[in-house]
Amino acid sequence: MDKETKDLGVLALFTSVYCAAHHSEQKRETVDLGLPDSGKYRYCPACSELLRYAIERRKRCPLDPKPTCKHCQVHCYRAGHREKVRAIMRYSGKTLILRGRLDLLWHYLF
């Protein structure tokens, strides 16, 4: 699995955790994102749309090798989307690490 696919998989996981915690009253469905294991996560329509947008922007990144988004000089997302992705990463990273997913600690810190 290449780095881009792994990063997008982490984003899909983090978005599903955030969506479950913040949008539990909304109808959530599985969405085919074209990523390995993406079919096991469920999203509300708003989170699904944000995730599709993020995946499209990540795949179009002109930088090679792609740095992590928080260390990148070129911001791919529009301002509102950037803040939402930051909120998702902040919430889900802490939540999953506290649940014992120490493998994500590396991604969360760097």
N, C-alpha and C. Protein backbone atom coordinates (compact mmCIF):
# COMPACT_ATOMS: atom_id res chain seq x y z
N MET A 1 0.85 -1.18 0.00
CA MET A 1 0.00 0.00 0.00
C MET A 1 0.89 1.24 0.00
N ASP A 2 0.65 2.15 -0.92
CA ASP A 2 1.48 3.35 -0.99
C ASP A 2 1.05 4.37 0.06
N LYS A 3 1.88 5.38 0.25
CA LYS A 3 1.66 6.38 1.30
C LYS A 3 0.35 7.14 1.09
N GLU A 4 0.05 7.48 -0.16
CA GLU A 4 -1.18 8.23 -0.43
C GLU A 4 -2.42 7.43 -0.03
N THR A 5 -2.45 6.17 -0.39
CA THR A 5 -3.59 5.32 -0.06
C THR A 5 -3.72 5.16 1.45
N LYS A 6 -2.59 5.01 2.12
CA LYS A 6 -2.60 4.88 3.58
C LYS A 6 -3.13 6.16 4.23
N ASP A 7 -2.65 7.31 3.77
CA ASP A 7 -3.11 8.60 4.31
C ASP A 7 -4.61 8.79 4.10
N LEU A 8 -5.09 8.44 2.91
CA LEU A 8 -6.51 8.58 2.62
C LEU A 8 -7.34 7.60 3.44
N GLY A 9 -6.80 6.43 3.72
CA GLY A 9 -7.48 5.47 4.59
C GLY A 9 -7.61 5.99 6.01
N VAL A 10 -6.55 6.64 6.49
CA VAL A 10 -6.60 7.25 7.82
C VAL A 10 -7.64 8.37 7.84
N LEU A 11 -7.68 9.18 6.80
CA LEU A 11 -8.68 10.25 6.73
C LEU A 11 -10.10 9.67 6.72
N ALA A 12 -10.32 8.58 6.00
CA ALA A 12 -11.64 7.94 5.97
C ALA A 12 -12.02 7.41 7.35
N LEU A 13 -11.08 6.78 8.04
CA LEU A 13 -11.33 6.29 9.40
C LEU A 13 -11.64 7.44 10.34
N PHE A 14 -10.82 8.49 10.31
CA PHE A 14 -11.01 9.62 11.20
C PHE A 14 -12.36 10.30 10.94
N THR A 15 -12.73 10.42 9.68
CA THR A 15 -14.01 11.05 9.35
C THR A 15 -15.17 10.21 9.87
N SER A 16 -15.06 8.89 9.78
CA SER A 16 -16.15 8.04 10.28
C SER A 16 -16.28 8.13 11.79
N VAL A 17 -15.17 8.24 12.51
CA VAL A 17 -15.21 8.38 13.97
C VAL A 17 -15.86 9.72 14.34
N TYR A 18 -15.45 10.77 13.67
CA TYR A 18 -16.01 12.10 13.92
C TYR A 18 -17.50 12.12 13.61
N CYS A 19 -17.88 11.56 12.49
CA CYS A 19 -19.28 11.55 12.07
C CYS A 19 -20.14 10.78 13.07
N ALA A 20 -19.67 9.64 13.53
CA ALA A 20 -20.43 8.85 14.49
C ALA A 20 -20.65 9.61 15.80
N ALA A 21 -19.66 10.39 16.21
CA ALA A 21 -19.77 11.12 17.46
C ALA A 21 -20.60 12.40 17.33
N HIS A 22 -20.52 13.06 16.20
CA HIS A 22 -21.15 14.37 16.05
C HIS A 22 -22.44 14.37 15.23
N HIS A 23 -22.66 13.33 14.45
CA HIS A 23 -23.84 13.29 13.58
C HIS A 23 -24.61 11.99 13.75
N SER A 24 -24.67 11.48 14.96
CA SER A 24 -25.30 10.18 15.20
C SER A 24 -26.81 10.21 14.94
N GLU A 25 -27.43 11.40 15.01
CA GLU A 25 -28.87 11.48 14.78
C GLU A 25 -29.22 11.46 13.30
N GLN A 26 -28.24 11.66 12.45
CA GLN A 26 -28.48 11.66 11.01
C GLN A 26 -28.33 10.26 10.44
N LYS A 27 -28.98 10.04 9.33
CA LYS A 27 -28.85 8.74 8.65
C LYS A 27 -27.46 8.65 8.03
N ARG A 28 -26.74 7.60 8.41
CA ARG A 28 -25.39 7.41 7.89
C ARG A 28 -25.37 6.14 7.05
N GLU A 29 -24.66 6.20 5.94
CA GLU A 29 -24.58 5.07 5.01
C GLU A 29 -23.14 4.80 4.63
N THR A 30 -22.89 3.57 4.19
CA THR A 30 -21.57 3.27 3.65
C THR A 30 -21.44 3.92 2.28
N VAL A 31 -20.23 4.33 1.96
CA VAL A 31 -19.97 5.05 0.71
C VAL A 31 -18.76 4.41 0.05
N ASP A 32 -18.86 4.16 -1.26
CA ASP A 32 -17.71 3.64 -2.00
C ASP A 32 -16.80 4.80 -2.37
N LEU A 33 -15.62 4.84 -1.76
CA LEU A 33 -14.67 5.91 -2.00
C LEU A 33 -13.52 5.48 -2.89
N GLY A 34 -13.52 4.23 -3.28
CA GLY A 34 -12.44 3.72 -4.11
C GLY A 34 -11.17 3.45 -3.32
N LEU A 35 -11.30 3.31 -2.01
CA LEU A 35 -10.16 3.03 -1.14
C LEU A 35 -10.32 1.65 -0.53
N PRO A 36 -9.20 0.98 -0.22
CA PRO A 36 -9.31 -0.31 0.47
C PRO A 36 -10.00 -0.10 1.82
N ASP A 37 -10.90 -0.97 2.18
CA ASP A 37 -11.61 -0.96 3.47
C ASP A 37 -12.55 0.22 3.66
N SER A 38 -12.75 1.06 2.64
CA SER A 38 -13.63 2.21 2.85
C SER A 38 -15.09 1.80 2.98
N GLY A 39 -15.45 0.62 2.53
CA GLY A 39 -16.82 0.16 2.62
C GLY A 39 -17.28 -0.20 4.02
N LYS A 40 -16.35 -0.27 4.96
CA LYS A 40 -16.75 -0.63 6.32
C LYS A 40 -17.07 0.59 7.18
N TYR A 41 -16.92 1.78 6.66
CA TYR A 41 -17.21 3.00 7.41
C TYR A 41 -18.53 3.60 6.95
N ARG A 42 -19.18 4.32 7.85
CA ARG A 42 -20.47 4.93 7.55
C ARG A 42 -20.37 6.44 7.77
N TYR A 43 -21.03 7.20 6.88
CA TYR A 43 -20.97 8.67 6.92
C TYR A 43 -22.35 9.27 6.68
N CYS A 44 -22.57 10.43 7.29
CA CYS A 44 -23.76 11.21 6.94
C CYS A 44 -23.47 11.89 5.60
N PRO A 45 -24.48 12.46 4.95
CA PRO A 45 -24.24 13.09 3.64
C PRO A 45 -23.19 14.21 3.68
N ALA A 46 -23.19 15.02 4.73
CA ALA A 46 -22.22 16.13 4.80
C ALA A 46 -20.79 15.62 4.94
N CYS A 47 -20.58 14.64 5.80
CA CYS A 47 -19.23 14.08 5.97
C CYS A 47 -18.78 13.32 4.73
N SER A 48 -19.71 12.65 4.10
CA SER A 48 -19.40 11.93 2.86
C SER A 48 -18.93 12.90 1.79
N GLU A 49 -19.62 14.01 1.65
CA GLU A 49 -19.25 15.02 0.66
C GLU A 49 -17.89 15.64 0.98
N LEU A 50 -17.65 15.96 2.25
CA LEU A 50 -16.37 16.51 2.66
C LEU A 50 -15.24 15.53 2.37
N LEU A 51 -15.47 14.26 2.66
CA LEU A 51 -14.45 13.24 2.43
C LEU A 51 -14.17 13.07 0.94
N ARG A 52 -15.18 13.08 0.13
CA ARG A 52 -14.97 13.00 -1.33
C ARG A 52 -14.14 14.19 -1.82
N TYR A 53 -14.46 15.37 -1.32
CA TYR A 53 -13.72 16.57 -1.68
C TYR A 53 -12.25 16.44 -1.26
N ALA A 54 -12.01 15.99 -0.03
CA ALA A 54 -10.65 15.84 0.48
C ALA A 54 -9.85 14.82 -0.32
N ILE A 55 -10.48 13.71 -0.68
CA ILE A 55 -9.79 12.68 -1.46
C ILE A 55 -9.43 13.22 -2.84
N GLU A 56 -10.35 13.92 -3.46
CA GLU A 56 -10.09 14.50 -4.79
C GLU A 56 -8.94 15.50 -4.73
N ARG A 57 -8.94 16.35 -3.73
CA ARG A 57 -7.89 17.35 -3.60
C ARG A 57 -6.54 16.68 -3.30
N ARG A 58 -6.55 15.66 -2.49
CA ARG A 58 -5.31 14.95 -2.14
C ARG A 58 -4.73 14.26 -3.36
N LYS A 59 -5.57 13.69 -4.17
CA LYS A 59 -5.09 12.99 -5.38
C LYS A 59 -4.55 13.95 -6.42
N ARG A 60 -5.00 15.19 -6.39
CA ARG A 60 -4.53 16.19 -7.35
C ARG A 60 -3.33 16.99 -6.84
N CYS A 61 -2.79 16.66 -5.72
CA CYS A 61 -1.69 17.42 -5.14
C CYS A 61 -0.50 17.45 -6.10
N PRO A 62 0.02 18.65 -6.39
CA PRO A 62 1.12 18.77 -7.34
C PRO A 62 2.49 18.45 -6.75
N LEU A 63 2.57 18.32 -5.43
CA LEU A 63 3.86 18.11 -4.78
C LEU A 63 4.24 16.63 -4.78
N ASP A 64 5.50 16.36 -5.03
CA ASP A 64 5.99 14.99 -5.00
C ASP A 64 7.40 15.00 -4.41
N PRO A 65 7.64 14.43 -3.28
CA PRO A 65 6.71 13.70 -2.43
C PRO A 65 5.80 14.65 -1.66
N LYS A 66 4.61 14.18 -1.37
CA LYS A 66 3.61 14.98 -0.66
C LYS A 66 3.95 15.02 0.82
N PRO A 67 4.13 16.23 1.38
CA PRO A 67 4.32 16.31 2.83
C PRO A 67 2.98 16.14 3.54
N THR A 68 3.01 15.95 4.84
CA THR A 68 1.75 15.92 5.57
C THR A 68 1.09 17.29 5.45
N CYS A 69 -0.21 17.30 5.48
CA CYS A 69 -0.94 18.54 5.22
C CYS A 69 -0.57 19.66 6.20
N LYS A 70 -0.34 19.31 7.46
CA LYS A 70 -0.03 20.38 8.41
C LYS A 70 1.36 20.97 8.20
N HIS A 71 2.22 20.31 7.44
CA HIS A 71 3.55 20.84 7.13
C HIS A 71 3.66 21.33 5.69
N CYS A 72 2.56 21.36 4.98
CA CYS A 72 2.58 21.71 3.56
C CYS A 72 2.52 23.22 3.37
N GLN A 73 3.25 23.72 2.37
CA GLN A 73 3.23 25.14 2.04
C GLN A 73 2.07 25.50 1.12
N VAL A 74 1.56 24.52 0.38
CA VAL A 74 0.45 24.72 -0.55
C VAL A 74 -0.79 24.10 0.08
N HIS A 75 -1.81 24.91 0.31
CA HIS A 75 -3.03 24.37 0.92
C HIS A 75 -4.04 24.02 -0.16
N CYS A 76 -4.39 22.75 -0.22
CA CYS A 76 -5.27 22.23 -1.26
C CYS A 76 -6.74 22.54 -1.00
N TYR A 77 -7.13 22.63 0.27
CA TYR A 77 -8.53 22.79 0.63
C TYR A 77 -8.91 24.26 0.70
N ARG A 78 -10.18 24.54 0.42
CA ARG A 78 -10.70 25.88 0.66
C ARG A 78 -10.70 26.10 2.17
N ALA A 79 -10.74 27.36 2.57
CA ALA A 79 -10.60 27.71 4.00
C ALA A 79 -11.60 26.98 4.89
N GLY A 80 -12.87 26.95 4.56
CA GLY A 80 -13.86 26.27 5.39
C GLY A 80 -13.63 24.77 5.49
N HIS A 81 -13.23 24.17 4.39
CA HIS A 81 -12.94 22.74 4.39
C HIS A 81 -11.68 22.43 5.19
N ARG A 82 -10.70 23.30 5.09
CA ARG A 82 -9.45 23.09 5.83
C ARG A 82 -9.72 23.05 7.34
N GLU A 83 -10.53 23.98 7.82
CA GLU A 83 -10.85 24.02 9.25
C GLU A 83 -11.65 22.78 9.67
N LYS A 84 -12.54 22.34 8.82
CA LYS A 84 -13.34 21.15 9.15
C LYS A 84 -12.47 19.90 9.22
N VAL A 85 -11.54 19.76 8.27
CA VAL A 85 -10.64 18.61 8.28
C VAL A 85 -9.73 18.67 9.52
N ARG A 86 -9.28 19.84 9.89
CA ARG A 86 -8.49 19.98 11.11
C ARG A 86 -9.28 19.54 12.34
N ALA A 87 -10.54 19.95 12.41
CA ALA A 87 -11.38 19.56 13.54
C ALA A 87 -11.57 18.05 13.58
N ILE A 88 -11.79 17.45 12.41
CA ILE A 88 -11.95 15.99 12.33
C ILE A 88 -10.68 15.29 12.79
N MET A 89 -9.54 15.73 12.30
CA MET A 89 -8.27 15.09 12.66
C MET A 89 -7.98 15.26 14.15
N ARG A 90 -8.24 16.44 14.68
CA ARG A 90 -7.98 16.70 16.10
C ARG A 90 -8.85 15.82 16.98
N TYR A 91 -10.14 15.78 16.72
CA TYR A 91 -11.06 15.00 17.54
C TYR A 91 -10.79 13.49 17.41
N SER A 92 -10.74 13.01 16.19
CA SER A 92 -10.62 11.56 15.96
C SER A 92 -9.27 11.02 16.38
N GLY A 93 -8.21 11.79 16.16
CA GLY A 93 -6.88 11.35 16.56
C GLY A 93 -6.81 11.10 18.06
N LYS A 94 -7.28 12.07 18.82
CA LYS A 94 -7.28 11.92 20.27
C LYS A 94 -8.18 10.77 20.72
N THR A 95 -9.35 10.68 20.12
CA THR A 95 -10.30 9.64 20.49
C THR A 95 -9.73 8.24 20.23
N LEU A 96 -9.17 8.03 19.06
CA LEU A 96 -8.64 6.70 18.72
C LEU A 96 -7.41 6.35 19.53
N ILE A 97 -6.56 7.33 19.81
CA ILE A 97 -5.38 7.06 20.63
C ILE A 97 -5.80 6.68 22.05
N LEU A 98 -6.81 7.38 22.59
CA LEU A 98 -7.29 7.04 23.92
C LEU A 98 -7.97 5.67 23.96
N ARG A 99 -8.46 5.22 22.82
CA ARG A 99 -9.06 3.88 22.72
C ARG A 99 -8.02 2.80 22.49
N GLY A 100 -6.75 3.16 22.42
CA GLY A 100 -5.70 2.17 22.29
C GLY A 100 -5.08 2.04 20.92
N ARG A 101 -5.44 2.88 19.98
CA ARG A 101 -4.87 2.82 18.63
C ARG A 101 -3.54 3.58 18.61
N LEU A 102 -2.54 3.03 19.26
CA LEU A 102 -1.25 3.69 19.36
C LEU A 102 -0.52 3.75 18.03
N ASP A 103 -0.93 2.91 17.06
CA ASP A 103 -0.32 2.97 15.74
C ASP A 103 -0.62 4.31 15.06
N LEU A 104 -1.68 4.98 15.47
CA LEU A 104 -2.04 6.27 14.88
C LEU A 104 -1.29 7.44 15.54
N LEU A 105 -0.61 7.17 16.62
CA LEU A 105 0.13 8.23 17.31
C LEU A 105 1.17 8.86 16.37
N TRP A 106 1.82 8.07 15.59
CA TRP A 106 2.81 8.59 14.64
C TRP A 106 2.17 9.55 13.65
N HIS A 107 1.03 9.16 13.11
CA HIS A 107 0.31 10.01 12.16
C HIS A 107 -0.19 11.29 12.84
N TYR A 108 -0.64 11.17 14.06
CA TYR A 108 -1.19 12.31 14.79
C TYR A 108 -0.10 13.34 15.09
N LEU A 109 1.08 12.88 15.44
CA LEU A 109 2.16 13.81 15.81
C LEU A 109 2.90 14.38 14.62
N PHE A 110 2.97 13.62 13.53
CA PHE A 110 3.76 14.08 12.40
C PHE A 110 2.88 14.21 11.19
